[in-house]
Amino acid sequence: MTIWVDADACPTMIKEILYRAAERTREPLVLVANQPLRTPPSKVISSVQVESGFDVADDEIVRRVEPGDLVITSDIPLAAEVIEKGGDAISGRGERFTKDNIKGRLNIRDFMDTMRASGIQSGGPPALNQRDRMAFANELDRWLARRIKPD
């Protein structure tokens, strides 16, 4: 099992939570980005740099993800592809994407894209706050706890 991170847009505070969790649980953590990344020295934390380009990092994650892996992303289409391959996906705000909610999230995303294309400025999501950080850490811990194997 591997935890994959769509790292180009992943906030530092979320990466720090992931680093601590990977070290604590010894679960492999791989950050994928189209720029060089600094990661702490670790046997379980690594990074993959891909070429620049639209969705190149997303495509690399989809290519490598396996059933049971976790992907950290706020990219709804990426989350949908991960779920389709049998993986799990959590946003940096702690929202767990599932087979039950991903279609609705894709519809909302497509609607917002249409609105922006027509000139309506909706602004982006608000900056992450402490509540978002806690929601993410709690959802990550729940996901990790489901994978702990008894000795």
N, C-alpha and C. Protein backbone atom coordinates (compact mmCIF):
# COMPACT_ATOMS: atom_id res chain seq x y z
N MET A 1 0.84 -1.17 0.00
CA MET A 1 0.00 0.00 0.00
C MET A 1 0.89 1.24 0.00
N THR A 2 0.51 2.24 -0.79
CA THR A 2 1.27 3.48 -0.92
C THR A 2 0.32 4.66 -0.79
N ILE A 3 0.82 5.73 -0.20
CA ILE A 3 0.10 6.99 -0.17
C ILE A 3 0.76 7.88 -1.22
N TRP A 4 -0.03 8.30 -2.19
CA TRP A 4 0.43 9.16 -3.28
C TRP A 4 -0.07 10.58 -3.02
N VAL A 5 0.74 11.57 -3.34
CA VAL A 5 0.35 12.96 -3.13
C VAL A 5 0.46 13.71 -4.44
N ASP A 6 -0.63 14.35 -4.84
CA ASP A 6 -0.64 15.28 -5.96
C ASP A 6 -0.01 16.55 -5.40
N ALA A 7 1.33 16.61 -5.46
CA ALA A 7 2.08 17.55 -4.64
C ALA A 7 2.22 18.95 -5.20
N ASP A 8 1.92 19.18 -6.47
CA ASP A 8 2.09 20.52 -7.03
C ASP A 8 1.27 21.56 -6.27
N ALA A 9 0.07 21.20 -5.86
CA ALA A 9 -0.79 22.16 -5.18
C ALA A 9 -1.06 21.79 -3.72
N CYS A 10 -0.37 20.81 -3.21
CA CYS A 10 -0.61 20.36 -1.84
C CYS A 10 0.03 21.35 -0.86
N PRO A 11 -0.76 21.90 0.06
CA PRO A 11 -0.22 22.86 1.02
C PRO A 11 0.83 22.23 1.93
N THR A 12 1.79 23.03 2.33
CA THR A 12 2.88 22.57 3.19
C THR A 12 2.36 21.94 4.47
N MET A 13 1.34 22.54 5.07
CA MET A 13 0.83 21.99 6.34
C MET A 13 0.29 20.58 6.15
N ILE A 14 -0.28 20.28 5.00
CA ILE A 14 -0.79 18.93 4.73
C ILE A 14 0.38 17.98 4.51
N LYS A 15 1.40 18.43 3.78
CA LYS A 15 2.59 17.59 3.58
C LYS A 15 3.22 17.24 4.92
N GLU A 16 3.29 18.19 5.83
CA GLU A 16 3.90 17.92 7.14
C GLU A 16 3.12 16.86 7.91
N ILE A 17 1.81 16.90 7.84
CA ILE A 17 0.98 15.87 8.48
C ILE A 17 1.29 14.52 7.85
N LEU A 18 1.40 14.49 6.52
CA LEU A 18 1.69 13.25 5.81
C LEU A 18 3.07 12.70 6.16
N TYR A 19 4.06 13.58 6.26
CA TYR A 19 5.40 13.13 6.63
C TYR A 19 5.38 12.44 7.99
N ARG A 20 4.73 13.07 8.96
CA ARG A 20 4.68 12.48 10.31
C ARG A 20 3.94 11.14 10.29
N ALA A 21 2.83 11.08 9.56
CA ALA A 21 2.05 9.83 9.50
C ALA A 21 2.84 8.72 8.83
N ALA A 22 3.55 9.04 7.76
CA ALA A 22 4.35 8.02 7.06
C ALA A 22 5.45 7.48 7.97
N GLU A 23 6.11 8.35 8.67
CA GLU A 23 7.17 7.91 9.59
C GLU A 23 6.59 7.06 10.72
N ARG A 24 5.46 7.48 11.26
CA ARG A 24 4.83 6.77 12.37
C ARG A 24 4.37 5.38 11.97
N THR A 25 3.78 5.27 10.78
CA THR A 25 3.18 4.00 10.35
C THR A 25 4.09 3.19 9.43
N ARG A 26 5.16 3.82 8.94
CA ARG A 26 6.10 3.20 8.00
C ARG A 26 5.44 2.89 6.66
N GLU A 27 4.36 3.58 6.35
CA GLU A 27 3.70 3.44 5.05
C GLU A 27 4.45 4.26 4.01
N PRO A 28 4.71 3.73 2.83
CA PRO A 28 5.38 4.49 1.79
C PRO A 28 4.55 5.71 1.37
N LEU A 29 5.22 6.84 1.27
CA LEU A 29 4.61 8.10 0.86
C LEU A 29 5.39 8.62 -0.33
N VAL A 30 4.69 8.86 -1.45
CA VAL A 30 5.34 9.33 -2.67
C VAL A 30 4.66 10.62 -3.12
N LEU A 31 5.45 11.69 -3.21
CA LEU A 31 4.95 12.97 -3.68
C LEU A 31 5.27 13.08 -5.17
N VAL A 32 4.28 13.43 -5.98
CA VAL A 32 4.45 13.53 -7.42
C VAL A 32 4.21 14.98 -7.82
N ALA A 33 5.18 15.58 -8.52
CA ALA A 33 5.07 16.98 -8.92
C ALA A 33 5.87 17.22 -10.18
N ASN A 34 5.61 18.36 -10.82
CA ASN A 34 6.38 18.70 -12.01
C ASN A 34 7.50 19.69 -11.69
N GLN A 35 7.85 19.77 -10.42
CA GLN A 35 8.96 20.60 -9.98
C GLN A 35 9.74 19.82 -8.91
N PRO A 36 10.98 20.17 -8.68
CA PRO A 36 11.73 19.46 -7.64
C PRO A 36 11.10 19.71 -6.26
N LEU A 37 11.09 18.69 -5.44
CA LEU A 37 10.51 18.80 -4.10
C LEU A 37 11.55 18.44 -3.06
N ARG A 38 11.47 19.12 -1.95
CA ARG A 38 12.29 18.75 -0.80
C ARG A 38 11.44 17.86 0.09
N THR A 39 12.00 16.73 0.44
CA THR A 39 11.33 15.85 1.38
C THR A 39 12.30 15.55 2.51
N PRO A 40 11.78 15.23 3.67
CA PRO A 40 12.69 14.90 4.77
C PRO A 40 13.43 13.60 4.45
N PRO A 41 14.64 13.46 4.98
CA PRO A 41 15.36 12.20 4.77
C PRO A 41 14.58 11.07 5.43
N SER A 42 14.26 10.06 4.65
CA SER A 42 13.42 8.98 5.16
C SER A 42 13.51 7.78 4.24
N LYS A 43 13.32 6.60 4.81
CA LYS A 43 13.26 5.39 4.00
C LYS A 43 11.87 5.17 3.42
N VAL A 44 10.86 5.89 3.93
CA VAL A 44 9.49 5.67 3.45
C VAL A 44 8.93 6.85 2.67
N ILE A 45 9.66 7.97 2.61
CA ILE A 45 9.17 9.17 1.91
C ILE A 45 10.06 9.41 0.69
N SER A 46 9.40 9.57 -0.46
CA SER A 46 10.15 9.85 -1.68
C SER A 46 9.34 10.79 -2.57
N SER A 47 9.97 11.24 -3.64
CA SER A 47 9.26 12.10 -4.58
C SER A 47 9.59 11.67 -6.00
N VAL A 48 8.67 11.99 -6.89
CA VAL A 48 8.83 11.73 -8.32
C VAL A 48 8.59 13.04 -9.03
N GLN A 49 9.57 13.47 -9.83
CA GLN A 49 9.39 14.67 -10.62
C GLN A 49 9.02 14.25 -12.04
N VAL A 50 7.92 14.81 -12.55
CA VAL A 50 7.47 14.53 -13.91
C VAL A 50 7.69 15.78 -14.77
N GLU A 51 7.53 15.62 -16.05
CA GLU A 51 7.65 16.75 -16.96
C GLU A 51 6.56 17.77 -16.66
N SER A 52 6.81 19.01 -17.05
CA SER A 52 5.77 20.04 -16.94
C SER A 52 4.71 19.76 -17.99
N GLY A 53 3.51 20.15 -17.70
CA GLY A 53 2.43 19.97 -18.65
C GLY A 53 1.12 19.71 -17.95
N PHE A 54 0.05 19.93 -18.67
CA PHE A 54 -1.30 19.77 -18.12
C PHE A 54 -1.55 18.31 -17.74
N ASP A 55 -1.86 18.09 -16.48
CA ASP A 55 -2.22 16.78 -15.93
C ASP A 55 -1.13 15.71 -16.01
N VAL A 56 0.13 16.10 -16.22
CA VAL A 56 1.20 15.10 -16.31
C VAL A 56 1.37 14.40 -14.96
N ALA A 57 1.37 15.16 -13.86
CA ALA A 57 1.50 14.54 -12.54
C ALA A 57 0.29 13.65 -12.25
N ASP A 58 -0.90 14.12 -12.60
CA ASP A 58 -2.11 13.32 -12.39
C ASP A 58 -2.03 12.01 -13.15
N ASP A 59 -1.60 12.09 -14.41
CA ASP A 59 -1.50 10.88 -15.23
C ASP A 59 -0.49 9.89 -14.63
N GLU A 60 0.59 10.41 -14.08
CA GLU A 60 1.60 9.54 -13.47
C GLU A 60 1.03 8.83 -12.24
N ILE A 61 0.28 9.57 -11.44
CA ILE A 61 -0.34 8.96 -10.26
C ILE A 61 -1.32 7.87 -10.69
N VAL A 62 -2.16 8.16 -11.66
CA VAL A 62 -3.14 7.17 -12.13
C VAL A 62 -2.42 5.94 -12.68
N ARG A 63 -1.33 6.14 -13.37
CA ARG A 63 -0.57 5.02 -13.93
C ARG A 63 -0.03 4.12 -12.82
N ARG A 64 0.40 4.72 -11.72
CA ARG A 64 1.08 3.95 -10.66
C ARG A 64 0.15 3.46 -9.55
N VAL A 65 -0.98 4.09 -9.35
CA VAL A 65 -1.84 3.74 -8.22
C VAL A 65 -2.38 2.32 -8.37
N GLU A 66 -2.48 1.64 -7.25
CA GLU A 66 -3.00 0.28 -7.22
C GLU A 66 -4.18 0.21 -6.26
N PRO A 67 -5.03 -0.79 -6.40
CA PRO A 67 -6.15 -0.93 -5.47
C PRO A 67 -5.65 -0.92 -4.03
N GLY A 68 -6.34 -0.15 -3.20
CA GLY A 68 -5.97 -0.05 -1.79
C GLY A 68 -5.03 1.11 -1.49
N ASP A 69 -4.42 1.71 -2.51
CA ASP A 69 -3.58 2.88 -2.30
C ASP A 69 -4.44 4.09 -1.97
N LEU A 70 -3.82 5.10 -1.41
CA LEU A 70 -4.49 6.36 -1.08
C LEU A 70 -3.85 7.47 -1.88
N VAL A 71 -4.68 8.36 -2.43
CA VAL A 71 -4.18 9.54 -3.14
C VAL A 71 -4.71 10.77 -2.43
N ILE A 72 -3.81 11.71 -2.17
CA ILE A 72 -4.17 12.99 -1.56
C ILE A 72 -4.24 14.00 -2.70
N THR A 73 -5.44 14.51 -2.96
CA THR A 73 -5.63 15.46 -4.05
C THR A 73 -6.91 16.24 -3.86
N SER A 74 -6.92 17.45 -4.40
CA SER A 74 -8.16 18.22 -4.46
C SER A 74 -8.68 18.23 -5.89
N ASP A 75 -8.02 17.51 -6.78
CA ASP A 75 -8.38 17.42 -8.19
C ASP A 75 -9.47 16.36 -8.34
N ILE A 76 -10.69 16.79 -8.61
CA ILE A 76 -11.84 15.89 -8.65
C ILE A 76 -11.71 14.84 -9.77
N PRO A 77 -11.32 15.22 -11.00
CA PRO A 77 -11.16 14.18 -12.02
C PRO A 77 -10.09 13.15 -11.65
N LEU A 78 -8.99 13.58 -11.03
CA LEU A 78 -7.98 12.63 -10.57
C LEU A 78 -8.58 11.69 -9.53
N ALA A 79 -9.29 12.25 -8.56
CA ALA A 79 -9.92 11.41 -7.53
C ALA A 79 -10.85 10.38 -8.18
N ALA A 80 -11.60 10.79 -9.19
CA ALA A 80 -12.53 9.87 -9.87
C ALA A 80 -11.76 8.71 -10.52
N GLU A 81 -10.64 9.02 -11.17
CA GLU A 81 -9.85 7.96 -11.81
C GLU A 81 -9.25 7.01 -10.78
N VAL A 82 -8.82 7.56 -9.65
CA VAL A 82 -8.24 6.74 -8.58
C VAL A 82 -9.29 5.78 -8.04
N ILE A 83 -10.49 6.30 -7.79
CA ILE A 83 -11.58 5.47 -7.27
C ILE A 83 -11.93 4.37 -8.27
N GLU A 84 -11.93 4.73 -9.55
CA GLU A 84 -12.23 3.75 -10.60
C GLU A 84 -11.21 2.61 -10.60
N LYS A 85 -9.96 2.91 -10.23
CA LYS A 85 -8.91 1.88 -10.19
C LYS A 85 -8.88 1.13 -8.86
N GLY A 86 -9.79 1.46 -7.95
CA GLY A 86 -9.85 0.75 -6.67
C GLY A 86 -9.06 1.40 -5.55
N GLY A 87 -8.58 2.61 -5.79
CA GLY A 87 -7.87 3.34 -4.75
C GLY A 87 -8.81 4.22 -3.95
N ASP A 88 -8.27 4.87 -2.95
CA ASP A 88 -9.01 5.82 -2.13
C ASP A 88 -8.45 7.21 -2.37
N ALA A 89 -9.26 8.23 -2.13
CA ALA A 89 -8.82 9.61 -2.33
C ALA A 89 -9.38 10.49 -1.23
N ILE A 90 -8.52 11.37 -0.73
CA ILE A 90 -8.89 12.34 0.30
C ILE A 90 -8.36 13.70 -0.15
N SER A 91 -9.17 14.74 0.04
CA SER A 91 -8.71 16.09 -0.28
C SER A 91 -7.91 16.65 0.89
N GLY A 92 -7.20 17.73 0.64
CA GLY A 92 -6.44 18.39 1.69
C GLY A 92 -7.31 19.00 2.78
N ARG A 93 -8.61 19.05 2.53
CA ARG A 93 -9.55 19.54 3.54
C ARG A 93 -10.20 18.40 4.31
N GLY A 94 -9.76 17.17 4.02
CA GLY A 94 -10.28 16.03 4.76
C GLY A 94 -11.53 15.41 4.18
N GLU A 95 -11.91 15.82 2.98
CA GLU A 95 -13.08 15.22 2.34
C GLU A 95 -12.66 13.90 1.70
N ARG A 96 -13.35 12.84 2.07
CA ARG A 96 -13.08 11.53 1.47
C ARG A 96 -13.95 11.39 0.24
N PHE A 97 -13.32 11.15 -0.90
CA PHE A 97 -14.05 10.92 -2.14
C PHE A 97 -14.39 9.44 -2.23
N THR A 98 -15.62 9.14 -2.59
CA THR A 98 -16.08 7.76 -2.66
C THR A 98 -16.86 7.53 -3.95
N LYS A 99 -17.17 6.26 -4.22
CA LYS A 99 -18.02 5.95 -5.37
C LYS A 99 -19.38 6.64 -5.24
N ASP A 100 -19.84 6.83 -4.00
CA ASP A 100 -21.15 7.43 -3.77
C ASP A 100 -21.17 8.93 -3.99
N ASN A 101 -20.05 9.63 -3.78
CA ASN A 101 -20.10 11.10 -3.89
C ASN A 101 -19.32 11.68 -5.06
N ILE A 102 -18.53 10.88 -5.76
CA ILE A 102 -17.64 11.45 -6.77
C ILE A 102 -18.39 11.98 -7.99
N LYS A 103 -19.48 11.32 -8.40
CA LYS A 103 -20.22 11.83 -9.56
C LYS A 103 -20.81 13.21 -9.29
N GLY A 104 -21.35 13.38 -8.10
CA GLY A 104 -21.89 14.68 -7.72
C GLY A 104 -20.81 15.75 -7.69
N ARG A 105 -19.64 15.39 -7.17
CA ARG A 105 -18.52 16.34 -7.12
C ARG A 105 -18.04 16.69 -8.53
N LEU A 106 -18.03 15.70 -9.45
CA LEU A 106 -17.66 15.99 -10.84
C LEU A 106 -18.67 16.93 -11.49
N ASN A 107 -19.97 16.69 -11.23
CA ASN A 107 -21.01 17.56 -11.79
C ASN A 107 -20.85 19.00 -11.30
N ILE A 108 -20.59 19.17 -10.02
CA ILE A 108 -20.40 20.53 -9.48
C ILE A 108 -19.16 21.17 -10.10
N ARG A 109 -18.08 20.41 -10.21
CA ARG A 109 -16.86 20.94 -10.82
C ARG A 109 -17.11 21.38 -12.26
N ASP A 110 -17.80 20.53 -13.03
CA ASP A 110 -18.08 20.87 -14.43
C ASP A 110 -18.97 22.11 -14.52
N PHE A 111 -19.96 22.21 -13.63
CA PHE A 111 -20.83 23.38 -13.61
C PHE A 111 -20.02 24.65 -13.32
N MET A 112 -19.12 24.58 -12.34
CA MET A 112 -18.30 25.75 -12.00
C MET A 112 -17.36 26.11 -13.16
N ASP A 113 -16.83 25.12 -13.87
CA ASP A 113 -16.01 25.39 -15.05
C ASP A 113 -16.82 26.12 -16.11
N THR A 114 -18.06 25.69 -16.31
CA THR A 114 -18.94 26.34 -17.28
C THR A 114 -19.20 27.79 -16.87
N MET A 115 -19.44 28.00 -15.58
CA MET A 115 -19.70 29.36 -15.09
C MET A 115 -18.47 30.24 -15.32
N ARG A 116 -17.29 29.74 -15.00
CA ARG A 116 -16.07 30.53 -15.19
C ARG A 116 -15.84 30.82 -16.67
N ALA A 117 -16.12 29.83 -17.53
CA ALA A 117 -15.94 30.02 -18.97
C ALA A 117 -16.88 31.09 -19.52
N SER A 118 -18.02 31.28 -18.86
CA SER A 118 -18.96 32.30 -19.32
C SER A 118 -18.65 33.67 -18.73
N GLY A 119 -17.57 33.75 -17.94
CA GLY A 119 -17.14 35.05 -17.43
C GLY A 119 -17.51 35.32 -15.99
N ILE A 120 -18.22 34.42 -15.36
CA ILE A 120 -18.60 34.62 -13.96
C ILE A 120 -17.41 34.26 -13.09
N GLN A 121 -17.00 35.19 -12.26
CA GLN A 121 -15.87 34.97 -11.36
C GLN A 121 -16.38 34.44 -10.04
N SER A 122 -16.02 33.22 -9.73
CA SER A 122 -16.50 32.61 -8.49
C SER A 122 -15.44 32.64 -7.40
N GLY A 123 -14.22 33.01 -7.76
CA GLY A 123 -13.14 32.97 -6.78
C GLY A 123 -12.77 31.53 -6.51
N GLY A 124 -11.70 31.34 -5.85
CA GLY A 124 -11.28 29.99 -5.51
C GLY A 124 -11.76 29.62 -4.13
N PRO A 125 -11.38 28.45 -3.68
CA PRO A 125 -11.76 28.04 -2.33
C PRO A 125 -11.01 28.89 -1.31
N PRO A 126 -11.56 29.01 -0.13
CA PRO A 126 -10.85 29.78 0.92
C PRO A 126 -9.56 29.07 1.31
N ALA A 127 -8.65 29.82 1.89
CA ALA A 127 -7.39 29.25 2.36
C ALA A 127 -7.68 28.19 3.43
N LEU A 128 -6.79 27.20 3.51
CA LEU A 128 -6.95 26.17 4.54
C LEU A 128 -6.84 26.81 5.91
N ASN A 129 -7.67 26.35 6.82
CA ASN A 129 -7.60 26.84 8.19
C ASN A 129 -7.36 25.67 9.14
N GLN A 130 -7.34 25.97 10.42
CA GLN A 130 -7.06 24.94 11.43
C GLN A 130 -8.11 23.82 11.39
N ARG A 131 -9.36 24.18 11.16
CA ARG A 131 -10.43 23.16 11.09
C ARG A 131 -10.18 22.21 9.93
N ASP A 132 -9.77 22.76 8.77
CA ASP A 132 -9.46 21.92 7.60
C ASP A 132 -8.29 20.99 7.91
N ARG A 133 -7.28 21.53 8.56
CA ARG A 133 -6.11 20.73 8.92
C ARG A 133 -6.50 19.57 9.83
N MET A 134 -7.33 19.84 10.82
CA MET A 134 -7.79 18.79 11.73
C MET A 134 -8.65 17.76 11.00
N ALA A 135 -9.52 18.24 10.10
CA ALA A 135 -10.38 17.33 9.35
C ALA A 135 -9.51 16.40 8.49
N PHE A 136 -8.47 16.95 7.88
CA PHE A 136 -7.58 16.12 7.07
C PHE A 136 -6.85 15.09 7.94
N ALA A 137 -6.27 15.55 9.04
CA ALA A 137 -5.52 14.64 9.92
C ALA A 137 -6.42 13.54 10.44
N ASN A 138 -7.66 13.87 10.80
CA ASN A 138 -8.60 12.87 11.31
C ASN A 138 -8.98 11.85 10.24
N GLU A 139 -9.23 12.32 9.03
CA GLU A 139 -9.61 11.39 7.94
C GLU A 139 -8.43 10.50 7.57
N LEU A 140 -7.23 11.06 7.54
CA LEU A 140 -6.03 10.26 7.27
C LEU A 140 -5.86 9.20 8.35
N ASP A 141 -6.02 9.59 9.60
CA ASP A 141 -5.88 8.62 10.70
C ASP A 141 -6.93 7.51 10.59
N ARG A 142 -8.16 7.85 10.21
CA ARG A 142 -9.20 6.82 10.04
C ARG A 142 -8.79 5.86 8.93
N TRP A 143 -8.29 6.40 7.82
CA TRP A 143 -7.87 5.56 6.70
C TRP A 143 -6.72 4.64 7.13
N LEU A 144 -5.74 5.19 7.82
CA LEU A 144 -4.60 4.38 8.27
C LEU A 144 -5.05 3.32 9.28
N ALA A 145 -5.96 3.66 10.17
CA ALA A 145 -6.42 2.71 11.19
C ALA A 145 -7.12 1.51 10.55
N ARG A 146 -7.82 1.73 9.45
CA ARG A 146 -8.49 0.62 8.75
C ARG A 146 -7.47 -0.34 8.14
N ARG A 147 -6.25 0.10 7.97
CA ARG A 147 -5.24 -0.74 7.32
C ARG A 147 -4.28 -1.41 8.29
N ILE A 148 -4.36 -1.08 9.56
CA ILE A 148 -3.47 -1.71 10.53
C ILE A 148 -3.81 -3.18 10.63
N LYS A 149 -2.78 -3.97 10.49
CA LYS A 149 -2.96 -5.43 10.54
C LYS A 149 -2.60 -5.92 11.94
N PRO A 150 -3.41 -6.79 12.54
CA PRO A 150 -3.04 -7.33 13.84
C PRO A 150 -1.80 -8.22 13.70
N ASP A 151 -0.99 -8.25 14.75
CA ASP A 151 0.22 -9.08 14.74
C ASP A 151 -0.08 -10.54 14.80
